[in-house]
Amino acid sequence: MASPWHAELTSAGEASLDSVAAAADGRVAVTFGAAGAASLGGAELTPPTGGGGVALVAPGGAPAWSRVVSVRPGAVALTADAVIAAVGGHGEVDLGGDAPVALRGEPGAALWALARADGGTRWTAPLGSTDWVVVRALAALPDGGVVAGGSFAGTLRAGARVVTAAGAADGFVVRLGPDGAVAWLVRLGGIRGDAVTGVAPAGDGLAIAGTFTGDAELRGVALAPADDRSIAPDGFVARLHGDGAVAWARSFGGAREDAVAGVAVTDGGTIAVAATLRGDAVVEDRLVATRGLADAALITWDGAGSRRGVALIGGPDLDTATAIAAIGEDLVVAATYAGGVTLGGDRLEARGGDGALIAVLDASGEPVRTRDVPGMGRETVSALAGTPAGWAAVVRHTAGAQLDDIVLSAPADPYGGAALFFRGE
């Protein structure tokens, strides 16, 4: 089992850790933002005002290198040779290449690939829109490439590929090769708002998940809302072949606003979605009755698209799913909870505002281990990443927090509390 470690982000002002990716060798990539001088694991991080950066953290918690930029990176992925981060912003941005990268849209976006060895820029790939584009999820692929998912309005261009939104906003998935060349670009949506919020490799293809509102379609495959009269978003999951063709797609939800935190795939091919269900929901032909205002849910399918199970994480109040990752045949789900929640044989009680938890479950949804993340304010596990050796998590807090025997002190600024944790399983 890998040795546990953590690295705390410290700052006098607003700062955050935003996304995390992990590799089999124990290294962890993280994106961050800071309003001024900050440090992670003792290493100084001082991005320009309003900016952020990317760091590669070695086992033990010390950054091997970091790069800062004038815009704030979001989602991150880690391949065998590169750290790839999504950046968003306005106008031209210097990402360390031969020339500034033009971000087209309000905001526009780009993927930024950095060499794992030293953080040097390897390539950049703009994702430009006539209106706006946001990358919400990234995943490394076995061939060294990357897949990105998000949402956009107007017309979106990635390399020579172009798609146009059918409504107010559509979701998209784009696949790039190891050199940053765009292989394909796919849109998803209908006349209302839609988004891809999770992507993961699945065998020789991909699993994607997100939300849609009203009738929508993915390359001609229909996604039907749970309630024809509702304008609230439902969730979906789909499996794509390596060329972007749709193998199958499934929708789920109810009459109220449902959300999807992400998707993960186990070594055995189980496809799992972490979702927030608000009120009663339908998952294919099964009615799922939530216990409170909202529950976190782990919903699983096999590789052929047959539903395996639905496991709820919640109590009588408001509980939400925030992240998901896979470790071998197990799944790691993060959630926030209000009041109290019981999972397996463990009873957790929030000390201040909302509490947070990290649960390891098997592929059938049965709890294996639960870790509470308590504090006197609001705690959130905002990102997870899995490796064969364990999982990495970003914990954000407003007034101090605790994970296992590590106690994080209250930050100088309530918006500045964050730490990176790694735990073996």
Protein backbone atom coordinates (compact mmCIF):
# COMPACT_ATOMS: atom_id res chain seq x y z
CA MET A 1 0.00 0.00 0.00
CA ALA A 2 1.32 3.46 -0.91
CA SER A 3 2.23 5.75 1.99
CA PRO A 4 -0.34 8.49 2.66
CA TRP A 5 0.63 12.13 2.29
CA HIS A 6 -0.86 15.60 1.97
CA ALA A 7 0.15 19.04 0.77
CA GLU A 8 -1.64 22.11 2.11
CA LEU A 9 -2.29 25.23 0.05
CA THR A 10 -1.61 28.36 2.10
CA SER A 11 -2.35 31.96 1.18
CA ALA A 12 -3.19 35.27 2.83
CA GLY A 13 -6.10 35.73 0.41
CA GLU A 14 -8.41 33.83 -1.90
CA ALA A 15 -6.86 30.67 -3.35
CA SER A 16 -8.02 27.25 -4.47
CA LEU A 17 -7.04 23.86 -5.81
CA ASP A 18 -9.40 23.12 -8.69
CA SER A 19 -8.72 19.76 -10.36
CA VAL A 20 -6.53 16.70 -9.85
CA ALA A 21 -5.15 13.81 -11.91
CA ALA A 22 -2.99 10.92 -10.70
CA ALA A 23 -0.56 8.47 -12.31
CA ALA A 24 0.47 4.91 -11.46
CA ASP A 25 3.91 6.12 -10.28
CA GLY A 26 2.25 8.13 -7.50
CA ARG A 27 2.68 11.55 -9.04
CA VAL A 28 -0.28 13.89 -8.95
CA ALA A 29 -1.07 16.86 -11.18
CA VAL A 30 -3.18 19.70 -9.82
CA THR A 31 -4.47 23.04 -11.09
CA PHE A 32 -4.73 26.05 -8.81
CA GLY A 33 -5.76 29.68 -8.62
CA ALA A 34 -4.60 32.42 -6.25
CA ALA A 35 -5.26 36.12 -5.79
CA GLY A 36 -1.70 36.67 -4.57
CA ALA A 37 1.30 34.87 -3.13
CA ALA A 38 0.57 31.29 -2.09
CA SER A 39 2.41 28.05 -1.43
CA LEU A 40 1.65 24.36 -1.93
CA GLY A 41 3.59 21.83 0.11
CA GLY A 42 6.10 24.58 0.96
CA ALA A 43 6.74 25.57 -2.68
CA GLU A 44 5.93 29.15 -3.68
CA LEU A 45 3.13 29.67 -6.20
CA THR A 46 2.58 33.28 -7.25
CA PRO A 47 0.49 33.61 -10.41
CA PRO A 48 -0.39 36.97 -11.99
CA THR A 49 -3.48 38.72 -10.61
CA GLY A 50 -6.56 36.70 -11.50
CA GLY A 51 -4.47 33.80 -12.76
CA GLY A 52 -3.41 30.36 -11.66
CA GLY A 53 -1.29 27.47 -12.77
CA VAL A 54 -0.42 23.79 -12.90
CA ALA A 55 1.81 21.79 -10.56
CA LEU A 56 3.13 18.23 -10.68
CA VAL A 57 3.40 16.91 -7.13
CA ALA A 58 5.72 14.04 -6.22
CA PRO A 59 4.84 11.35 -3.66
CA GLY A 60 5.21 12.96 -0.25
CA GLY A 61 3.60 16.26 -1.28
CA ALA A 62 6.47 18.35 -2.67
CA PRO A 63 5.86 19.87 -6.13
CA ALA A 64 8.38 18.66 -8.71
CA TRP A 65 7.58 21.77 -10.78
CA SER A 66 4.88 24.38 -11.25
CA ARG A 67 3.85 26.76 -14.03
CA VAL A 68 1.83 29.93 -13.59
CA VAL A 69 -0.24 31.73 -16.20
CA SER A 70 -2.46 34.83 -16.38
CA VAL A 71 -5.65 32.76 -16.75
CA ARG A 72 -6.98 30.13 -14.37
CA PRO A 73 -6.63 26.49 -15.46
CA GLY A 74 -9.46 24.08 -14.70
CA ALA A 75 -9.67 20.38 -15.54
CA VAL A 76 -6.39 18.44 -15.74
CA ALA A 77 -5.25 15.04 -17.11
CA LEU A 78 -2.00 13.12 -16.75
CA THR A 79 -0.59 10.95 -19.56
CA ALA A 80 2.65 8.96 -19.58
CA ASP A 81 4.52 11.95 -21.06
CA ALA A 82 2.46 15.06 -20.37
CA VAL A 83 0.29 17.03 -17.99
CA ILE A 84 -2.64 18.48 -19.93
CA ALA A 85 -4.75 21.28 -18.49
CA ALA A 86 -7.76 23.19 -19.76
CA VAL A 87 -7.47 26.97 -19.63
CA GLY A 88 -10.22 29.50 -20.18
CA GLY A 89 -10.27 33.24 -20.61
CA HIS A 90 -10.41 36.14 -22.99
CA GLY A 91 -8.06 37.34 -25.74
CA GLU A 92 -4.44 36.28 -26.18
CA VAL A 93 -2.70 34.25 -23.48
CA ASP A 94 0.99 33.39 -23.19
CA LEU A 95 1.22 29.65 -22.52
CA GLY A 96 4.94 29.40 -23.12
CA GLY A 97 4.85 28.33 -26.77
CA ASP A 98 6.21 30.05 -29.85
CA ALA A 99 3.39 32.61 -29.84
CA PRO A 100 0.47 33.66 -27.63
CA VAL A 101 -2.67 31.55 -27.94
CA ALA A 102 -5.85 33.36 -28.99
CA LEU A 103 -8.83 32.29 -26.86
CA ARG A 104 -11.88 32.92 -29.05
CA GLY A 105 -15.13 33.31 -27.14
CA GLU A 106 -16.43 35.03 -24.03
CA PRO A 107 -14.82 33.00 -22.61
CA GLY A 108 -12.75 30.90 -25.00
CA ALA A 109 -10.71 27.84 -24.07
CA ALA A 110 -7.60 25.86 -24.96
CA LEU A 111 -5.86 22.64 -23.91
CA TRP A 112 -2.30 23.16 -22.69
CA ALA A 113 0.12 20.21 -22.71
CA LEU A 114 3.21 20.35 -20.48
CA ALA A 115 6.09 17.87 -20.42
CA ARG A 116 5.95 15.69 -17.31
CA ALA A 117 9.72 15.90 -16.96
CA ASP A 118 10.08 19.67 -16.54
CA GLY A 119 6.77 21.44 -17.23
CA GLY A 120 7.85 22.85 -20.57
CA THR A 121 5.09 23.57 -23.07
CA ARG A 122 4.68 20.74 -25.60
CA TRP A 123 1.61 21.93 -27.53
CA THR A 124 -1.53 24.01 -27.25
CA ALA A 125 -4.91 23.30 -28.86
CA PRO A 126 -7.42 26.19 -28.98
CA LEU A 127 -11.16 25.51 -28.65
CA GLY A 128 -12.80 28.62 -30.05
CA SER A 129 -16.45 29.64 -30.07
CA THR A 130 -18.46 32.44 -31.66
CA ASP A 131 -20.15 32.79 -28.25
CA TRP A 132 -18.55 30.91 -25.33
CA VAL A 133 -16.99 27.54 -24.47
CA VAL A 134 -16.09 25.89 -21.15
CA VAL A 135 -14.12 22.65 -20.66
CA ARG A 136 -15.59 20.78 -17.69
CA ALA A 137 -13.76 17.42 -17.79
CA LEU A 138 -10.54 15.88 -19.12
CA ALA A 139 -9.26 12.30 -19.23
CA ALA A 140 -6.02 10.75 -20.44
CA LEU A 141 -6.31 7.95 -23.00
CA PRO A 142 -4.16 4.80 -23.31
CA ASP A 143 -2.60 6.01 -26.59
CA GLY A 144 -1.22 9.16 -24.90
CA GLY A 145 -4.00 11.37 -26.20
CA VAL A 146 -6.73 13.12 -24.26
CA VAL A 147 -10.50 13.54 -24.38
CA ALA A 148 -12.24 16.73 -23.21
CA GLY A 149 -15.88 17.41 -22.49
CA GLY A 150 -17.80 20.57 -21.73
CA SER A 151 -20.42 22.98 -23.00
CA PHE A 152 -20.63 25.77 -25.55
CA ALA A 153 -22.94 28.22 -27.26
CA GLY A 154 -22.84 29.36 -30.87
CA THR A 155 -20.39 27.59 -33.19
CA LEU A 156 -17.44 25.66 -31.76
CA ARG A 157 -14.18 24.99 -33.64
CA ALA A 158 -11.49 22.49 -32.61
CA GLY A 159 -8.75 22.17 -35.21
CA ALA A 160 -10.53 21.67 -38.54
CA ARG A 161 -13.70 20.30 -36.84
CA VAL A 162 -16.75 22.53 -36.40
CA VAL A 163 -20.13 22.01 -34.66
CA THR A 164 -23.02 24.39 -34.00
CA ALA A 165 -25.27 24.36 -30.95
CA ALA A 166 -28.90 23.42 -31.53
CA GLY A 167 -30.15 25.57 -28.66
CA ALA A 168 -29.07 27.84 -25.83
CA ALA A 169 -26.06 25.65 -25.01
CA ASP A 170 -24.92 22.20 -26.07
CA GLY A 171 -22.46 19.69 -24.71
CA PHE A 172 -19.38 18.58 -26.63
CA VAL A 173 -16.70 15.89 -26.59
CA VAL A 174 -13.39 16.27 -28.45
CA ARG A 175 -10.62 13.69 -28.82
CA LEU A 176 -7.00 14.71 -29.43
CA GLY A 177 -3.94 12.60 -30.21
CA PRO A 178 -0.65 12.66 -28.27
CA ASP A 179 0.54 15.57 -30.45
CA GLY A 180 -2.56 17.68 -29.86
CA ALA A 181 -4.11 16.97 -33.27
CA VAL A 182 -7.92 16.83 -33.18
CA ALA A 183 -9.25 13.39 -34.14
CA TRP A 184 -12.97 14.17 -33.84
CA LEU A 185 -15.50 16.54 -32.28
CA VAL A 186 -19.05 15.56 -31.27
CA ARG A 187 -21.91 17.75 -30.00
CA LEU A 188 -24.82 16.72 -27.80
CA GLY A 189 -28.01 18.60 -27.10
CA GLY A 190 -31.36 20.06 -28.02
CA ILE A 191 -33.06 23.44 -27.86
CA ARG A 192 -32.26 24.13 -24.18
CA GLY A 193 -29.15 23.83 -22.00
CA ASP A 194 -26.92 20.73 -22.12
CA ALA A 195 -23.41 19.85 -20.91
CA VAL A 196 -20.85 17.05 -20.73
CA THR A 197 -19.46 17.03 -17.18
CA GLY A 198 -17.56 13.72 -17.08
CA VAL A 199 -15.33 11.72 -19.44
CA ALA A 200 -13.34 8.51 -18.90
CA PRO A 201 -11.59 5.87 -21.04
CA ALA A 202 -13.64 2.66 -21.38
CA GLY A 203 -11.85 -0.21 -23.11
CA ASP A 204 -11.13 0.89 -26.67
CA GLY A 205 -13.69 3.70 -26.37
CA LEU A 206 -14.99 6.30 -23.95
CA ALA A 207 -17.67 6.84 -21.32
CA ILE A 208 -19.23 10.29 -21.07
CA ALA A 209 -21.86 11.74 -18.74
CA GLY A 210 -23.60 15.02 -18.11
CA THR A 211 -26.96 16.78 -18.17
CA PHE A 212 -29.57 17.72 -20.76
CA THR A 213 -32.83 19.64 -20.69
CA GLY A 214 -35.89 18.61 -22.71
CA ASP A 215 -35.49 16.47 -25.79
CA ALA A 216 -31.86 16.08 -26.89
CA GLU A 217 -29.76 13.80 -29.09
CA LEU A 218 -26.23 12.47 -29.36
CA ARG A 219 -25.25 11.72 -32.97
CA GLY A 220 -28.84 10.76 -33.76
CA VAL A 221 -29.42 8.76 -30.56
CA ALA A 222 -32.35 10.31 -28.67
CA LEU A 223 -32.20 11.31 -25.00
CA ALA A 224 -35.71 11.55 -23.58
CA PRO A 225 -36.49 13.65 -20.49
CA ALA A 226 -37.93 11.97 -17.42
CA ASP A 227 -40.83 14.46 -17.37
CA ASP A 228 -42.00 16.05 -20.64
CA ARG A 229 -43.50 18.98 -18.71
CA SER A 230 -40.31 19.85 -16.82
CA ILE A 231 -37.62 22.30 -17.94
CA ALA A 232 -35.22 21.05 -15.25
CA PRO A 233 -32.11 19.13 -16.39
CA ASP A 234 -31.86 15.32 -16.35
CA GLY A 235 -28.72 13.21 -16.35
CA PHE A 236 -27.29 10.98 -19.06
CA VAL A 237 -24.48 8.49 -19.60
CA ALA A 238 -23.19 7.15 -22.92
CA ARG A 239 -20.51 4.85 -24.23
CA LEU A 240 -18.70 5.93 -27.38
CA HIS A 241 -16.49 3.88 -29.67
CA GLY A 242 -12.94 5.05 -30.28
CA ASP A 243 -14.03 6.94 -33.41
CA GLY A 244 -16.77 8.84 -31.57
CA ALA A 245 -19.69 6.68 -32.77
CA VAL A 246 -22.35 6.01 -30.13
CA ALA A 247 -22.54 2.46 -28.75
CA TRP A 248 -25.42 3.30 -26.39
CA ALA A 249 -26.86 6.15 -24.32
CA ARG A 250 -29.08 6.17 -21.22
CA SER A 251 -30.93 8.99 -19.45
CA PHE A 252 -32.16 9.32 -15.86
CA GLY A 253 -33.74 11.92 -13.60
CA GLY A 254 -36.97 13.42 -12.32
CA ALA A 255 -39.07 16.57 -12.43
CA ARG A 256 -36.49 18.65 -10.52
CA GLU A 257 -32.91 19.72 -11.26
CA ASP A 258 -30.57 16.72 -11.33
CA ALA A 259 -26.79 17.07 -11.69
CA VAL A 260 -23.84 14.86 -12.70
CA ALA A 261 -20.47 15.21 -10.96
CA GLY A 262 -18.58 12.79 -13.21
CA VAL A 263 -18.12 9.31 -14.63
CA ALA A 264 -15.60 6.54 -13.89
CA VAL A 265 -14.90 3.07 -15.31
CA THR A 266 -13.61 0.11 -13.29
CA ASP A 267 -11.02 -2.36 -14.58
CA GLY A 268 -13.86 -4.83 -15.20
CA GLY A 269 -15.74 -2.35 -17.39
CA THR A 270 -18.45 -1.16 -14.98
CA ILE A 271 -19.43 2.39 -15.92
CA ALA A 272 -20.36 4.50 -12.89
CA VAL A 273 -21.89 7.96 -12.63
CA ALA A 274 -21.91 10.16 -9.52
CA ALA A 275 -25.11 12.20 -9.61
CA THR A 276 -27.24 14.43 -7.43
CA LEU A 277 -30.92 13.47 -7.57
CA ARG A 278 -33.43 16.06 -6.34
CA GLY A 279 -36.65 14.35 -5.39
CA ASP A 280 -37.85 11.08 -6.87
CA ALA A 281 -36.07 10.02 -10.05
CA VAL A 282 -36.39 7.31 -12.68
CA VAL A 283 -33.31 5.34 -13.70
CA GLU A 284 -34.52 3.41 -16.73
CA ASP A 285 -37.48 1.42 -15.37
CA ARG A 286 -36.65 1.87 -11.67
CA LEU A 287 -38.18 4.57 -9.45
CA VAL A 288 -35.58 5.91 -7.00
CA ALA A 289 -37.02 7.69 -3.96
CA THR A 290 -34.55 10.10 -2.38
CA ARG A 291 -34.50 10.48 1.40
CA GLY A 292 -34.34 14.28 1.62
CA LEU A 293 -34.24 17.42 -0.54
CA ALA A 294 -31.48 15.78 -2.58
CA ASP A 295 -29.26 12.71 -2.34
CA ALA A 296 -25.93 11.80 -3.87
CA ALA A 297 -26.25 8.69 -6.02
CA LEU A 298 -23.86 6.14 -7.49
CA ILE A 299 -25.48 4.68 -10.63
CA THR A 300 -23.77 1.83 -12.48
CA TRP A 301 -24.11 0.12 -15.88
CA ASP A 302 -22.24 -2.73 -17.49
CA GLY A 303 -20.30 -2.23 -20.71
CA ALA A 304 -23.34 -3.14 -22.84
CA GLY A 305 -25.51 -0.47 -21.20
CA SER A 306 -27.57 -2.60 -18.81
CA ARG A 307 -28.18 -0.93 -15.47
CA ARG A 308 -26.43 -2.68 -12.60
CA GLY A 309 -27.53 -0.71 -9.56
CA VAL A 310 -28.32 2.56 -7.79
CA ALA A 311 -26.80 3.37 -4.38
CA LEU A 312 -27.93 6.49 -2.50
CA ILE A 313 -25.71 8.53 -0.17
CA GLY A 314 -27.79 10.90 1.89
CA GLY A 315 -30.08 11.67 4.78
CA PRO A 316 -33.19 13.76 5.40
CA ASP A 317 -31.55 17.05 4.31
CA LEU A 318 -29.60 18.26 1.24
CA ASP A 319 -26.77 15.98 0.07
CA THR A 320 -24.85 16.23 -3.22
CA ALA A 321 -22.28 14.23 -5.19
CA THR A 322 -19.11 16.20 -5.97
CA ALA A 323 -16.59 13.79 -7.57
CA ILE A 324 -15.93 10.18 -8.60
CA ALA A 325 -12.91 8.02 -9.46
CA ALA A 326 -12.13 4.33 -9.97
CA ILE A 327 -9.47 2.15 -8.32
CA GLY A 328 -9.32 -1.28 -9.90
CA GLU A 329 -12.75 -2.80 -9.29
CA ASP A 330 -13.72 -0.26 -6.62
CA LEU A 331 -15.23 3.22 -6.94
CA VAL A 332 -14.46 6.32 -4.87
CA VAL A 333 -17.28 8.85 -4.49
CA ALA A 334 -17.15 12.23 -2.76
CA ALA A 335 -20.24 13.96 -1.42
CA THR A 336 -21.33 16.88 0.74
CA TYR A 337 -23.98 16.39 3.39
CA ALA A 338 -26.06 18.56 5.72
CA GLY A 339 -27.08 17.41 9.19
CA GLY A 340 -26.23 13.74 9.28
CA VAL A 341 -25.88 10.76 6.98
CA THR A 342 -25.52 7.00 7.46
CA LEU A 343 -23.47 4.97 4.99
CA GLY A 344 -22.97 1.28 5.60
CA GLY A 345 -22.47 1.05 9.34
CA ASP A 346 -21.00 4.54 9.68
CA ARG A 347 -22.96 7.51 11.03
CA LEU A 348 -21.54 10.94 10.14
CA GLU A 349 -22.66 14.27 11.63
CA ALA A 350 -21.79 17.69 10.19
CA ARG A 351 -20.12 19.89 12.82
CA GLY A 352 -20.63 23.31 11.26
CA GLY A 353 -22.37 24.01 7.99
CA ASP A 354 -22.09 21.27 5.38
CA GLY A 355 -19.81 18.29 5.93
CA ALA A 356 -18.01 16.20 3.33
CA LEU A 357 -17.19 12.52 2.94
CA ILE A 358 -15.19 10.17 0.76
CA ALA A 359 -16.63 6.69 0.32
CA VAL A 360 -15.02 3.65 -1.30
CA LEU A 361 -17.67 1.32 -2.73
CA ASP A 362 -17.46 -1.89 -4.70
CA ALA A 363 -18.83 -2.12 -8.23
CA SER A 364 -22.25 -3.15 -6.89
CA GLY A 365 -22.49 -0.01 -4.73
CA GLU A 366 -21.80 -1.65 -1.37
CA PRO A 367 -19.69 0.52 0.97
CA VAL A 368 -16.16 -0.73 1.63
CA ARG A 369 -14.78 2.22 3.62
CA THR A 370 -16.00 5.70 4.53
CA ARG A 371 -13.90 8.70 5.52
CA ASP A 372 -15.49 11.75 7.09
CA VAL A 373 -14.06 15.20 6.26
CA PRO A 374 -15.43 17.31 9.12
CA GLY A 375 -14.90 20.95 10.02
CA MET A 376 -16.60 23.95 11.61
CA GLY A 377 -17.51 25.62 8.32
CA ARG A 378 -18.22 24.27 4.86
CA GLU A 379 -16.10 21.39 3.54
CA THR A 380 -16.08 20.06 -0.01
CA VAL A 381 -14.11 17.29 -1.73
CA SER A 382 -14.11 19.06 -5.08
CA ALA A 383 -11.97 16.64 -7.13
CA LEU A 384 -10.86 12.99 -7.08
CA ALA A 385 -8.43 10.91 -9.12
CA GLY A 386 -7.72 7.18 -8.92
CA THR A 387 -4.60 5.11 -9.56
CA PRO A 388 -3.79 1.43 -8.96
CA ALA A 389 -2.09 2.55 -5.74
CA GLY A 390 -4.94 4.63 -4.30
CA TRP A 391 -6.69 7.97 -4.74
CA ALA A 392 -5.91 11.67 -4.65
CA ALA A 393 -8.44 14.24 -3.45
CA VAL A 394 -8.76 18.01 -3.27
CA VAL A 395 -10.35 19.15 0.01
CA ARG A 396 -11.63 22.72 0.16
CA HIS A 397 -12.80 24.31 3.42
CA THR A 398 -13.75 27.65 4.93
CA ALA A 399 -12.90 27.23 8.63
CA GLY A 400 -10.57 24.24 8.96
CA ALA A 401 -11.09 20.55 8.20
CA GLN A 402 -9.80 17.09 9.05
CA LEU A 403 -9.07 13.93 7.08
CA ASP A 404 -7.95 10.93 9.12
CA ASP A 405 -5.39 12.33 11.59
CA ILE A 406 -4.50 15.41 9.52
CA VAL A 407 -6.03 18.63 10.87
CA LEU A 408 -6.14 21.67 8.59
CA SER A 409 -6.27 25.05 10.32
CA ALA A 410 -8.74 27.77 9.37
CA PRO A 411 -7.46 29.84 6.42
CA ALA A 412 -6.82 33.60 6.64
CA ASP A 413 -9.47 34.04 3.94
CA PRO A 414 -12.53 31.72 4.03
CA TYR A 415 -12.11 31.25 0.28
CA GLY A 416 -8.49 30.15 0.69
CA GLY A 417 -8.67 26.82 2.49
CA ALA A 418 -7.51 23.84 0.38
CA ALA A 419 -5.29 20.78 0.58
CA LEU A 420 -4.27 17.86 -1.61
CA PHE A 421 -4.44 14.38 -0.08
CA PHE A 422 -3.23 10.99 -1.30
CA ARG A 423 -4.37 7.75 0.29
CA GLY A 424 -3.57 4.15 -0.61
CA GLU A 425 -6.35 1.55 -0.67
